[in-house]
Amino acid sequence: MKRTGLFICVLVMVGMLFTNPDTEGYVEWASDELKKDQNTLVEIGIDLAVVPYLSSNTERSNWYVFSLYRTKNYDGKIITSVGMMNHFFVLSSR
Protein backbone atom coordinates (compact mmCIF):
# COMPACT_ATOMS: atom_id res chain seq x y z
CA MET A 1 0.00 0.00 0.00
CA LYS A 2 2.86 2.40 0.79
CA ARG A 3 4.44 1.78 -2.61
CA THR A 4 1.17 2.56 -4.38
CA GLY A 5 0.84 5.86 -2.51
CA LEU A 6 4.44 6.76 -3.29
CA PHE A 7 3.95 5.86 -6.97
CA ILE A 8 0.82 8.03 -7.20
CA CYS A 9 2.64 10.92 -5.48
CA VAL A 10 5.54 10.65 -7.95
CA LEU A 11 3.12 10.58 -10.90
CA VAL A 12 1.35 13.70 -9.64
CA MET A 13 4.67 15.52 -9.16
CA VAL A 14 5.83 14.58 -12.67
CA GLY A 15 2.51 15.77 -14.07
CA MET A 16 2.87 19.07 -12.20
CA LEU A 17 6.44 19.41 -13.49
CA PHE A 18 5.29 19.19 -17.10
CA THR A 19 2.31 21.53 -16.61
CA ASN A 20 4.19 24.32 -14.80
CA PRO A 21 3.18 27.47 -16.72
CA ASP A 22 5.73 29.95 -18.06
CA THR A 23 5.72 33.75 -17.91
CA GLU A 24 4.04 34.08 -21.30
CA GLY A 25 1.16 31.94 -20.06
CA TYR A 26 0.82 34.15 -17.00
CA VAL A 27 0.77 37.34 -19.07
CA GLU A 28 -1.85 35.85 -21.39
CA TRP A 29 -4.00 34.81 -18.40
CA ALA A 30 -3.65 38.22 -16.71
CA SER A 31 -4.61 40.09 -19.88
CA ASP A 32 -7.62 37.80 -20.38
CA GLU A 33 -8.71 38.55 -16.80
CA LEU A 34 -8.46 42.28 -17.49
CA LYS A 35 -10.48 41.94 -20.71
CA LYS A 36 -13.47 40.32 -19.00
CA ASP A 37 -16.63 42.42 -19.40
CA GLN A 38 -14.87 45.11 -21.46
CA ASN A 39 -15.73 46.57 -24.82
CA THR A 40 -13.65 46.03 -27.96
CA LEU A 41 -11.80 49.34 -27.71
CA VAL A 42 -10.61 48.58 -24.17
CA GLU A 43 -9.54 45.08 -25.26
CA ILE A 44 -7.38 46.58 -28.00
CA GLY A 45 -5.84 48.97 -25.47
CA ILE A 46 -5.05 46.08 -23.14
CA ASP A 47 -3.33 44.20 -25.96
CA LEU A 48 -1.29 47.23 -27.03
CA ALA A 49 -0.30 48.73 -23.67
CA VAL A 50 -0.95 46.38 -20.77
CA VAL A 51 0.55 43.17 -22.18
CA PRO A 52 4.03 44.70 -22.70
CA TYR A 53 3.77 46.33 -19.25
CA LEU A 54 2.93 43.01 -17.62
CA SER A 55 5.76 41.27 -19.45
CA SER A 56 8.36 43.76 -18.26
CA ASN A 57 7.07 44.13 -14.67
CA THR A 58 6.54 40.47 -13.75
CA GLU A 59 9.05 38.36 -11.84
CA ARG A 60 8.80 34.59 -11.94
CA SER A 61 10.14 32.26 -9.26
CA ASN A 62 10.26 28.74 -10.67
CA TRP A 63 9.78 25.96 -8.12
CA TYR A 64 9.52 23.29 -10.87
CA VAL A 65 6.09 21.96 -9.83
CA PHE A 66 4.63 25.48 -9.49
CA SER A 67 5.71 29.06 -10.12
CA LEU A 68 5.23 32.26 -8.16
CA TYR A 69 4.61 35.47 -10.10
CA ARG A 70 5.06 38.94 -8.64
CA THR A 71 3.74 41.78 -10.76
CA LYS A 72 4.46 45.37 -9.78
CA ASN A 73 1.48 47.55 -10.59
CA TYR A 74 1.75 51.13 -11.86
CA ASP A 75 0.95 52.48 -8.37
CA GLY A 76 3.59 50.34 -6.61
CA LYS A 77 1.16 47.63 -5.56
CA ILE A 78 2.53 44.07 -5.87
CA ILE A 79 0.21 41.28 -6.99
CA THR A 80 1.40 37.77 -6.13
CA SER A 81 -0.01 34.80 -8.02
CA VAL A 82 0.79 31.11 -8.19
CA GLY A 83 0.70 29.07 -11.38
CA MET A 84 0.41 25.29 -11.33
CA MET A 85 -1.06 22.66 -13.61
CA ASN A 86 -1.66 25.37 -16.26
CA HIS A 87 -3.91 27.38 -13.89
CA PHE A 88 -3.30 30.61 -12.01
CA PHE A 89 -4.50 31.80 -8.62
CA VAL A 90 -4.05 35.24 -7.05
CA LEU A 91 -2.54 34.91 -3.57
CA SER A 92 -2.24 38.51 -2.44
CA SER A 93 -2.42 42.09 -3.54
CA ARG A 94 -0.51 44.57 -1.38
PDB file of N, CA and C in Angstrom:
ATOM      1  N   MET A   1       0.823  -1.197   0.000  1.00  0.00           N
ATOM      2  CA  MET A   1       0.000   0.000   0.000  1.00  0.00           C
ATOM      3  C   MET A   1       0.868   1.262   0.000  1.00  0.00           C
ATOM      4  N   LYS A   2       1.980   1.233   0.740  1.00  0.00           N
ATOM      5  CA  LYS A   2       2.857   2.396   0.789  1.00  0.00           C
ATOM      6  C   LYS A   2       3.486   2.669  -0.580  1.00  0.00           C
ATOM      7  N   ARG A   3       3.818   1.612  -1.291  1.00  0.00           N
ATOM      8  CA  ARG A   3       4.437   1.784  -2.606  1.00  0.00           C
ATOM      9  C   ARG A   3       3.449   2.393  -3.591  1.00  0.00           C
ATOM     10  N   THR A   4       2.185   2.013  -3.492  1.00  0.00           N
ATOM     11  CA  THR A   4       1.167   2.565  -4.380  1.00  0.00           C
ATOM     12  C   THR A   4       1.001   4.053  -4.128  1.00  0.00           C
ATOM     13  N   GLY A   5       0.964   4.447  -2.858  1.00  0.00           N
ATOM     14  CA  GLY A   5       0.842   5.864  -2.509  1.00  0.00           C
ATOM     15  C   GLY A   5       2.036   6.665  -2.994  1.00  0.00           C
ATOM     16  N   LEU A   6       3.231   6.090  -2.837  1.00  0.00           N
ATOM     17  CA  LEU A   6       4.436   6.761  -3.294  1.00  0.00           C
ATOM     18  C   LEU A   6       4.442   6.887  -4.814  1.00  0.00           C
ATOM     19  N   PHE A   7       4.017   5.845  -5.506  1.00  0.00           N
ATOM     20  CA  PHE A   7       3.948   5.859  -6.966  1.00  0.00           C
ATOM     21  C   PHE A   7       2.974   6.932  -7.454  1.00  0.00           C
ATOM     22  N   ILE A   8       1.814   7.026  -6.819  1.00  0.00           N
ATOM     23  CA  ILE A   8       0.823   8.033  -7.195  1.00  0.00           C
ATOM     24  C   ILE A   8       1.369   9.437  -6.936  1.00  0.00           C
ATOM     25  N   CYS A   9       2.049   9.619  -5.809  1.00  0.00           N
ATOM     26  CA  CYS A   9       2.644  10.918  -5.485  1.00  0.00           C
ATOM     27  C   CYS A   9       3.695  11.315  -6.530  1.00  0.00           C
ATOM     28  N   VAL A  10       4.522  10.381  -6.933  1.00  0.00           N
ATOM     29  CA  VAL A  10       5.539  10.653  -7.950  1.00  0.00           C
ATOM     30  C   VAL A  10       4.876  10.993  -9.290  1.00  0.00           C
ATOM     31  N   LEU A  11       3.833  10.285  -9.655  1.00  0.00           N
ATOM     32  CA  LEU A  11       3.117  10.584 -10.902  1.00  0.00           C
ATOM     33  C   LEU A  11       2.517  11.982 -10.881  1.00  0.00           C
ATOM     34  N   VAL A  12       1.934  12.359  -9.755  1.00  0.00           N
ATOM     35  CA  VAL A  12       1.352  13.699  -9.644  1.00  0.00           C
ATOM     36  C   VAL A  12       2.439  14.764  -9.758  1.00  0.00           C
ATOM     37  N   MET A  13       3.575  14.553  -9.104  1.00  0.00           N
ATOM     38  CA  MET A  13       4.673  15.517  -9.161  1.00  0.00           C
ATOM     39  C   MET A  13       5.221  15.639 -10.581  1.00  0.00           C
ATOM     40  N   VAL A  14       5.352  14.535 -11.285  1.00  0.00           N
ATOM     41  CA  VAL A  14       5.832  14.576 -12.668  1.00  0.00           C
ATOM     42  C   VAL A  14       4.820  15.314 -13.546  1.00  0.00           C
ATOM     43  N   GLY A  15       3.542  15.056 -13.323  1.00  0.00           N
ATOM     44  CA  GLY A  15       2.508  15.774 -14.071  1.00  0.00           C
ATOM     45  C   GLY A  15       2.549  17.266 -13.800  1.00  0.00           C
ATOM     46  N   MET A  16       2.774  17.648 -12.547  1.00  0.00           N
ATOM     47  CA  MET A  16       2.875  19.067 -12.202  1.00  0.00           C
ATOM     48  C   MET A  16       4.130  19.688 -12.813  1.00  0.00           C
ATOM     49  N   LEU A  17       5.195  18.919 -12.896  1.00  0.00           N
ATOM     50  CA  LEU A  17       6.436  19.411 -13.492  1.00  0.00           C
ATOM     51  C   LEU A  17       6.231  19.778 -14.957  1.00  0.00           C
ATOM     52  N   PHE A  18       5.509  18.947 -15.677  1.00  0.00           N
ATOM     53  CA  PHE A  18       5.288  19.188 -17.100  1.00  0.00           C
ATOM     54  C   PHE A  18       4.195  20.214 -17.384  1.00  0.00           C
ATOM     55  N   THR A  19       3.376  20.543 -16.392  1.00  0.00           N
ATOM     56  CA  THR A  19       2.311  21.526 -16.613  1.00  0.00           C
ATOM     57  C   THR A  19       2.570  22.827 -15.859  1.00  0.00           C
ATOM     58  N   ASN A  20       3.816  23.065 -15.457  1.00  0.00           N
ATOM     59  CA  ASN A  20       4.191  24.316 -14.803  1.00  0.00           C
ATOM     60  C   ASN A  20       4.179  25.436 -15.848  1.00  0.00           C
ATOM     61  N   PRO A  21       3.295  26.436 -15.691  1.00  0.00           N
ATOM     62  CA  PRO A  21       3.179  27.472 -16.724  1.00  0.00           C
ATOM     63  C   PRO A  21       4.368  28.428 -16.739  1.00  0.00           C
ATOM     64  N   ASP A  22       4.631  28.994 -17.909  1.00  0.00           N
ATOM     65  CA  ASP A  22       5.728  29.949 -18.058  1.00  0.00           C
ATOM     66  C   ASP A  22       5.196  31.382 -17.943  1.00  0.00           C
ATOM     67  N   THR A  23       6.092  32.342 -18.059  1.00  0.00           N
ATOM     68  CA  THR A  23       5.718  33.750 -17.911  1.00  0.00           C
ATOM     69  C   THR A  23       4.753  34.193 -19.004  1.00  0.00           C
ATOM     70  N   GLU A  24       4.946  33.709 -20.222  1.00  0.00           N
ATOM     71  CA  GLU A  24       4.042  34.081 -21.303  1.00  0.00           C
ATOM     72  C   GLU A  24       2.616  33.619 -21.017  1.00  0.00           C
ATOM     73  N   GLY A  25       2.477  32.430 -20.443  1.00  0.00           N
ATOM     74  CA  GLY A  25       1.158  31.939 -20.065  1.00  0.00           C
ATOM     75  C   GLY A  25       0.515  32.803 -19.001  1.00  0.00           C
ATOM     76  N   TYR A  26       1.327  33.267 -18.050  1.00  0.00           N
ATOM     77  CA  TYR A  26       0.821  34.148 -16.999  1.00  0.00           C
ATOM     78  C   TYR A  26       0.350  35.471 -17.587  1.00  0.00           C
ATOM     79  N   VAL A  27       1.140  36.064 -18.462  1.00  0.00           N
ATOM     80  CA  VAL A  27       0.770  37.344 -19.071  1.00  0.00           C
ATOM     81  C   VAL A  27      -0.514  37.194 -19.884  1.00  0.00           C
ATOM     82  N   GLU A  28      -0.636  36.105 -20.604  1.00  0.00           N
ATOM     83  CA  GLU A  28      -1.855  35.849 -21.388  1.00  0.00           C
ATOM     84  C   GLU A  28      -3.071  35.721 -20.464  1.00  0.00           C
ATOM     85  N   TRP A  29      -2.906  34.977 -19.365  1.00  0.00           N
ATOM     86  CA  TRP A  29      -3.999  34.809 -18.403  1.00  0.00           C
ATOM     87  C   TRP A  29      -4.385  36.147 -17.782  1.00  0.00           C
ATOM     88  N   ALA A  30      -3.387  36.926 -17.360  1.00  0.00           N
ATOM     89  CA  ALA A  30      -3.655  38.216 -16.712  1.00  0.00           C
ATOM     90  C   ALA A  30      -4.370  39.172 -17.676  1.00  0.00           C
ATOM     91  N   SER A  31      -3.949  39.203 -18.925  1.00  0.00           N
ATOM     92  CA  SER A  31      -4.614  40.091 -19.884  1.00  0.00           C
ATOM     93  C   SER A  31      -6.042  39.619 -20.160  1.00  0.00           C
ATOM     94  N   ASP A  32      -6.259  38.320 -20.202  1.00  0.00           N
ATOM     95  CA  ASP A  32      -7.623  37.804 -20.382  1.00  0.00           C
ATOM     96  C   ASP A  32      -8.508  38.174 -19.192  1.00  0.00           C
ATOM     97  N   GLU A  33      -7.946  38.150 -17.988  1.00  0.00           N
ATOM     98  CA  GLU A  33      -8.712  38.549 -16.803  1.00  0.00           C
ATOM     99  C   GLU A  33      -9.085  40.030 -16.869  1.00  0.00           C
ATOM    100  N   LEU A  34      -8.175  40.852 -17.363  1.00  0.00           N
ATOM    101  CA  LEU A  34      -8.460  42.283 -17.486  1.00  0.00           C
ATOM    102  C   LEU A  34      -9.487  42.572 -18.576  1.00  0.00           C
ATOM    103  N   LYS A  35      -9.558  41.727 -19.584  1.00  0.00           N
ATOM    104  CA  LYS A  35     -10.483  41.936 -20.707  1.00  0.00           C
ATOM    105  C   LYS A  35     -11.913  41.518 -20.390  1.00  0.00           C
ATOM    106  N   LYS A  36     -12.122  40.794 -19.306  1.00  0.00           N
ATOM    107  CA  LYS A  36     -13.475  40.324 -18.999  1.00  0.00           C
ATOM    108  C   LYS A  36     -14.419  41.514 -18.851  1.00  0.00           C
ATOM    109  N   ASP A  37     -15.569  41.412 -19.471  1.00  0.00           N
ATOM    110  CA  ASP A  37     -16.632  42.418 -19.399  1.00  0.00           C
ATOM    111  C   ASP A  37     -16.189  43.792 -19.896  1.00  0.00           C
ATOM    112  N   GLN A  38     -15.312  43.839 -20.881  1.00  0.00           N
ATOM    113  CA  GLN A  38     -14.869  45.107 -21.455  1.00  0.00           C
ATOM    114  C   GLN A  38     -15.340  45.198 -22.906  1.00  0.00           C
ATOM    115  N   ASN A  39     -15.358  46.405 -23.415  1.00  0.00           N
ATOM    116  CA  ASN A  39     -15.733  46.569 -24.822  1.00  0.00           C
ATOM    117  C   ASN A  39     -14.497  46.365 -25.711  1.00  0.00           C
ATOM    118  N   THR A  40     -14.702  46.344 -26.998  1.00  0.00           N
ATOM    119  CA  THR A  40     -13.647  46.034 -27.963  1.00  0.00           C
ATOM    120  C   THR A  40     -12.511  47.052 -27.925  1.00  0.00           C
ATOM    121  N   LEU A  41     -12.828  48.298 -27.749  1.00  0.00           N
ATOM    122  CA  LEU A  41     -11.801  49.338 -27.714  1.00  0.00           C
ATOM    123  C   LEU A  41     -10.876  49.154 -26.511  1.00  0.00           C
ATOM    124  N   VAL A  42     -11.428  48.824 -25.370  1.00  0.00           N
ATOM    125  CA  VAL A  42     -10.613  48.583 -24.173  1.00  0.00           C
ATOM    126  C   VAL A  42      -9.766  47.334 -24.365  1.00  0.00           C
ATOM    127  N   GLU A  43     -10.308  46.307 -24.988  1.00  0.00           N
ATOM    128  CA  GLU A  43      -9.536  45.085 -25.256  1.00  0.00           C
ATOM    129  C   GLU A  43      -8.324  45.367 -26.138  1.00  0.00           C
ATOM    130  N   ILE A  44      -8.493  46.207 -27.133  1.00  0.00           N
ATOM    131  CA  ILE A  44      -7.376  46.578 -27.998  1.00  0.00           C
ATOM    132  C   ILE A  44      -6.320  47.334 -27.196  1.00  0.00           C
ATOM    133  N   GLY A  45      -6.764  48.233 -26.315  1.00  0.00           N
ATOM    134  CA  GLY A  45      -5.838  48.970 -25.466  1.00  0.00           C
ATOM    135  C   GLY A  45      -5.063  48.062 -24.534  1.00  0.00           C
ATOM    136  N   ILE A  46      -5.723  47.045 -24.019  1.00  0.00           N
ATOM    137  CA  ILE A  46      -5.048  46.080 -23.144  1.00  0.00           C
ATOM    138  C   ILE A  46      -3.979  45.336 -23.929  1.00  0.00           C
ATOM    139  N   ASP A  47      -4.312  44.925 -25.142  1.00  0.00           N
ATOM    140  CA  ASP A  47      -3.331  44.205 -25.964  1.00  0.00           C
ATOM    141  C   ASP A  47      -2.130  45.074 -26.312  1.00  0.00           C
ATOM    142  N   LEU A  48      -2.364  46.347 -26.584  1.00  0.00           N
ATOM    143  CA  LEU A  48      -1.287  47.225 -27.026  1.00  0.00           C
ATOM    144  C   LEU A  48      -0.439  47.779 -25.882  1.00  0.00           C
ATOM    145  N   ALA A  49      -1.038  48.059 -24.741  1.00  0.00           N
ATOM    146  CA  ALA A  49      -0.305  48.731 -23.668  1.00  0.00           C
ATOM    147  C   ALA A  49      -0.054  47.846 -22.445  1.00  0.00           C
ATOM    148  N   VAL A  50      -1.054  47.111 -22.035  1.00  0.00           N
ATOM    149  CA  VAL A  50      -0.948  46.380 -20.772  1.00  0.00           C
ATOM    150  C   VAL A  50      -0.098  45.121 -20.911  1.00  0.00           C
ATOM    151  N   VAL A  51      -0.217  44.408 -22.005  1.00  0.00           N
ATOM    152  CA  VAL A  51       0.548  43.170 -22.179  1.00  0.00           C
ATOM    153  C   VAL A  51       2.058  43.421 -22.129  1.00  0.00           C
ATOM    154  N   PRO A  52       2.589  44.422 -22.838  1.00  0.00           N
ATOM    155  CA  PRO A  52       4.030  44.697 -22.696  1.00  0.00           C
ATOM    156  C   PRO A  52       4.405  45.141 -21.281  1.00  0.00           C
ATOM    157  N   TYR A  53       3.514  45.902 -20.624  1.00  0.00           N
ATOM    158  CA  TYR A  53       3.774  46.331 -19.252  1.00  0.00           C
ATOM    159  C   TYR A  53       3.856  45.127 -18.317  1.00  0.00           C
ATOM    160  N   LEU A  54       2.908  44.208 -18.455  1.00  0.00           N
ATOM    161  CA  LEU A  54       2.927  43.005 -17.624  1.00  0.00           C
ATOM    162  C   LEU A  54       4.183  42.179 -17.871  1.00  0.00           C
ATOM    163  N   SER A  55       4.577  42.055 -19.118  1.00  0.00           N
ATOM    164  CA  SER A  55       5.763  41.266 -19.450  1.00  0.00           C
ATOM    165  C   SER A  55       7.013  41.837 -18.806  1.00  0.00           C
ATOM    166  N   SER A  56       7.140  43.151 -18.785  1.00  0.00           N
ATOM    167  CA  SER A  56       8.360  43.755 -18.256  1.00  0.00           C
ATOM    168  C   SER A  56       8.333  43.959 -16.742  1.00  0.00           C
ATOM    169  N   ASN A  57       7.171  43.887 -16.109  1.00  0.00           N
ATOM    170  CA  ASN A  57       7.071  44.130 -14.670  1.00  0.00           C
ATOM    171  C   ASN A  57       6.663  42.896 -13.881  1.00  0.00           C
ATOM    172  N   THR A  58       6.871  41.716 -14.437  1.00  0.00           N
ATOM    173  CA  THR A  58       6.536  40.475 -13.750  1.00  0.00           C
ATOM    174  C   THR A  58       7.797  39.669 -13.494  1.00  0.00           C
ATOM    175  N   GLU A  59       7.955  39.240 -12.246  1.00  0.00           N
ATOM    176  CA  GLU A  59       9.054  38.364 -11.841  1.00  0.00           C
ATOM    177  C   GLU A  59       8.506  36.962 -11.628  1.00  0.00           C
ATOM    178  N   ARG A  60       9.222  35.976 -12.120  1.00  0.00           N
ATOM    179  CA  ARG A  60       8.796  34.585 -11.942  1.00  0.00           C
ATOM    180  C   ARG A  60       9.815  33.858 -11.086  1.00  0.00           C
ATOM    181  N   SER A  61       9.317  33.149 -10.056  1.00  0.00           N
ATOM    182  CA  SER A  61      10.144  32.257  -9.256  1.00  0.00           C
ATOM    183  C   SER A  61       9.715  30.832  -9.584  1.00  0.00           C
ATOM    184  N   ASN A  62      10.582  30.092 -10.234  1.00  0.00           N
ATOM    185  CA  ASN A  62      10.262  28.742 -10.673  1.00  0.00           C
ATOM    186  C   ASN A  62      10.605  27.736  -9.581  1.00  0.00           C
ATOM    187  N   TRP A  63       9.593  27.007  -9.117  1.00  0.00           N
ATOM    188  CA  TRP A  63       9.780  25.956  -8.116  1.00  0.00           C
ATOM    189  C   TRP A  63       9.548  24.580  -8.751  1.00  0.00           C
ATOM    190  N   TYR A  64       9.617  24.503 -10.042  1.00  0.00           N
ATOM    191  CA  TYR A  64       9.520  23.287 -10.869  1.00  0.00           C
ATOM    192  C   TYR A  64       8.126  22.678 -10.906  1.00  0.00           C
ATOM    193  N   VAL A  65       7.453  22.510  -9.788  1.00  0.00           N
ATOM    194  CA  VAL A  65       6.091  21.963  -9.826  1.00  0.00           C
ATOM    195  C   VAL A  65       5.051  23.079  -9.771  1.00  0.00           C
ATOM    196  N   PHE A  66       5.476  24.290  -9.431  1.00  0.00           N
ATOM    197  CA  PHE A  66       4.633  25.479  -9.486  1.00  0.00           C
ATOM    198  C   PHE A  66       5.541  26.691  -9.641  1.00  0.00           C
ATOM    199  N   SER A  67       4.956  27.816  -9.982  1.00  0.00           N
ATOM    200  CA  SER A  67       5.712  29.059 -10.123  1.00  0.00           C
ATOM    201  C   SER A  67       4.992  30.174  -9.391  1.00  0.00           C
ATOM    202  N   LEU A  68       5.771  31.069  -8.792  1.00  0.00           N
ATOM    203  CA  LEU A  68       5.227  32.265  -8.161  1.00  0.00           C
ATOM    204  C   LEU A  68       5.508  33.456  -9.070  1.00  0.00           C
ATOM    205  N   TYR A  69       4.499  34.282  -9.257  1.00  0.00           N
ATOM    206  CA  TYR A  69       4.613  35.468 -10.105  1.00  0.00           C
ATOM    207  C   TYR A  69       4.340  36.696  -9.251  1.00  0.00           C
ATOM    208  N   ARG A  70       5.235  37.658  -9.328  1.00  0.00           N
ATOM    209  CA  ARG A  70       5.057  38.936  -8.644  1.00  0.00           C
ATOM    210  C   ARG A  70       5.043  40.032  -9.704  1.00  0.00           C
ATOM    211  N   THR A  71       3.900  40.714  -9.787  1.00  0.00           N
ATOM    212  CA  THR A  71       3.739  41.778 -10.761  1.00  0.00           C
ATOM    213  C   THR A  71       3.616  43.105 -10.032  1.00  0.00           C
ATOM    214  N   LYS A  72       4.509  44.033 -10.380  1.00  0.00           N
ATOM    215  CA  LYS A  72       4.458  45.366  -9.783  1.00  0.00           C
ATOM    216  C   LYS A  72       3.513  46.222 -10.608  1.00  0.00           C
ATOM    217  N   ASN A  73       2.487  46.737  -9.954  1.00  0.00           N
ATOM    218  CA  ASN A  73       1.477  47.554 -10.586  1.00  0.00           C
ATOM    219  C   ASN A  73       1.997  48.972 -10.792  1.00  0.00           C
ATOM    220  N   TYR A  74       1.317  49.759 -11.584  1.00  0.00           N
ATOM    221  CA  TYR A  74       1.751  51.132 -11.862  1.00  0.00           C
ATOM    222  C   TYR A  74       1.773  52.010 -10.614  1.00  0.00           C
ATOM    223  N   ASP A  75       0.976  51.680  -9.587  1.00  0.00           N
ATOM    224  CA  ASP A  75       0.951  52.479  -8.367  1.00  0.00           C
ATOM    225  C   ASP A  75       1.813  51.880  -7.249  1.00  0.00           C
ATOM    226  N   GLY A  76       2.689  50.946  -7.582  1.00  0.00           N
ATOM    227  CA  GLY A  76       3.594  50.339  -6.611  1.00  0.00           C
ATOM    228  C   GLY A  76       3.033  49.123  -5.896  1.00  0.00           C
ATOM    229  N   LYS A  77       1.804  48.792  -6.163  1.00  0.00           N
ATOM    230  CA  LYS A  77       1.162  47.629  -5.556  1.00  0.00           C
ATOM    231  C   LYS A  77       1.721  46.356  -6.186  1.00  0.00           C
ATOM    232  N   ILE A  78       1.978  45.332  -5.369  1.00  0.00           N
ATOM    233  CA  ILE A  78       2.525  44.071  -5.875  1.00  0.00           C
ATOM    234  C   ILE A  78       1.446  42.990  -5.792  1.00  0.00           C
ATOM    235  N   ILE A  79       1.195  42.363  -6.918  1.00  0.00           N
ATOM    236  CA  ILE A  79       0.212  41.279  -6.994  1.00  0.00           C
ATOM    237  C   ILE A  79       0.985  39.972  -7.092  1.00  0.00           C
ATOM    238  N   THR A  80       0.724  39.068  -6.158  1.00  0.00           N
ATOM    239  CA  THR A  80       1.401  37.774  -6.126  1.00  0.00           C
ATOM    240  C   THR A  80       0.413  36.693  -6.545  1.00  0.00           C
ATOM    241  N   SER A  81       0.831  35.890  -7.511  1.00  0.00           N
ATOM    242  CA  SER A  81      -0.005  34.800  -8.021  1.00  0.00           C
ATOM    243  C   SER A  81       0.819  33.530  -8.073  1.00  0.00           C
ATOM    244  N   VAL A  82       0.124  32.408  -8.046  1.00  0.00           N
ATOM    245  CA  VAL A  82       0.786  31.111  -8.191  1.00  0.00           C
ATOM    246  C   VAL A  82       0.227  30.446  -9.442  1.00  0.00           C
ATOM    247  N   GLY A  83       1.109  29.799 -10.191  1.00  0.00           N
ATOM    248  CA  GLY A  83       0.705  29.065 -11.378  1.00  0.00           C
ATOM    249  C   GLY A  83       1.103  27.609 -11.234  1.00  0.00           C
ATOM    250  N   MET A  84       0.133  26.730 -11.395  1.00  0.00           N
ATOM    251  CA  MET A  84       0.411  25.294 -11.333  1.00  0.00           C
ATOM    252  C   MET A  84      -0.638  24.550 -12.130  1.00  0.00           C
ATOM    253  N   MET A  85      -0.191  23.498 -12.791  1.00  0.00           N
ATOM    254  CA  MET A  85      -1.058  22.660 -13.607  1.00  0.00           C
ATOM    255  C   MET A  85      -1.824  23.496 -14.641  1.00  0.00           C
ATOM    256  N   ASN A  86      -1.114  24.467 -15.244  1.00  0.00           N
ATOM    257  CA  ASN A  86      -1.658  25.372 -16.265  1.00  0.00           C
ATOM    258  C   ASN A  86      -2.838  26.211 -15.776  1.00  0.00           C
ATOM    259  N   HIS A  87      -2.894  26.504 -14.479  1.00  0.00           N
ATOM    260  CA  HIS A  87      -3.907  27.382 -13.895  1.00  0.00           C
ATOM    261  C   HIS A  87      -3.210  28.407 -13.019  1.00  0.00           C
ATOM    262  N   PHE A  88      -3.875  29.539 -12.801  1.00  0.00           N
ATOM    263  CA  PHE A  88      -3.304  30.613 -12.011  1.00  0.00           C
ATOM    264  C   PHE A  88      -4.274  31.021 -10.914  1.00  0.00           C
ATOM    265  N   PHE A  89      -3.709  31.373  -9.762  1.00  0.00           N
ATOM    266  CA  PHE A  89      -4.504  31.805  -8.622  1.00  0.00           C
ATOM    267  C   PHE A  89      -3.825  33.012  -7.978  1.00  0.00           C
ATOM    268  N   VAL A  90      -4.589  34.050  -7.707  1.00  0.00           N
ATOM    269  CA  VAL A  90      -4.048  35.240  -7.051  1.00  0.00           C
ATOM    270  C   VAL A  90      -3.951  34.951  -5.556  1.00  0.00           C
ATOM    271  N   LEU A  91      -2.749  35.139  -4.994  1.00  0.00           N
ATOM    272  CA  LEU A  91      -2.540  34.913  -3.570  1.00  0.00           C
ATOM    273  C   LEU A  91      -2.743  36.178  -2.751  1.00  0.00           C
ATOM    274  N   SER A  92      -2.112  37.271  -3.191  1.00  0.00           N
ATOM    275  CA  SER A  92      -2.238  38.511  -2.435  1.00  0.00           C
ATOM    276  C   SER A  92      -2.067  39.711  -3.343  1.00  0.00           C
ATOM    277  N   SER A  93      -2.551  40.823  -2.839  1.00  0.00           N
ATOM    278  CA  SER A  93      -2.419  42.087  -3.538  1.00  0.00           C
ATOM    279  C   SER A  93      -2.129  43.143  -2.489  1.00  0.00           C
ATOM    280  N   ARG A  94      -0.879  43.593  -2.427  1.00  0.00           N
ATOM    281  CA  ARG A  94      -0.506  44.570  -1.385  1.00  0.00           C
ATOM    282  C   ARG A  94       0.311  45.681  -1.973  1.00  0.00           C
TER     283      ARG A  94
END
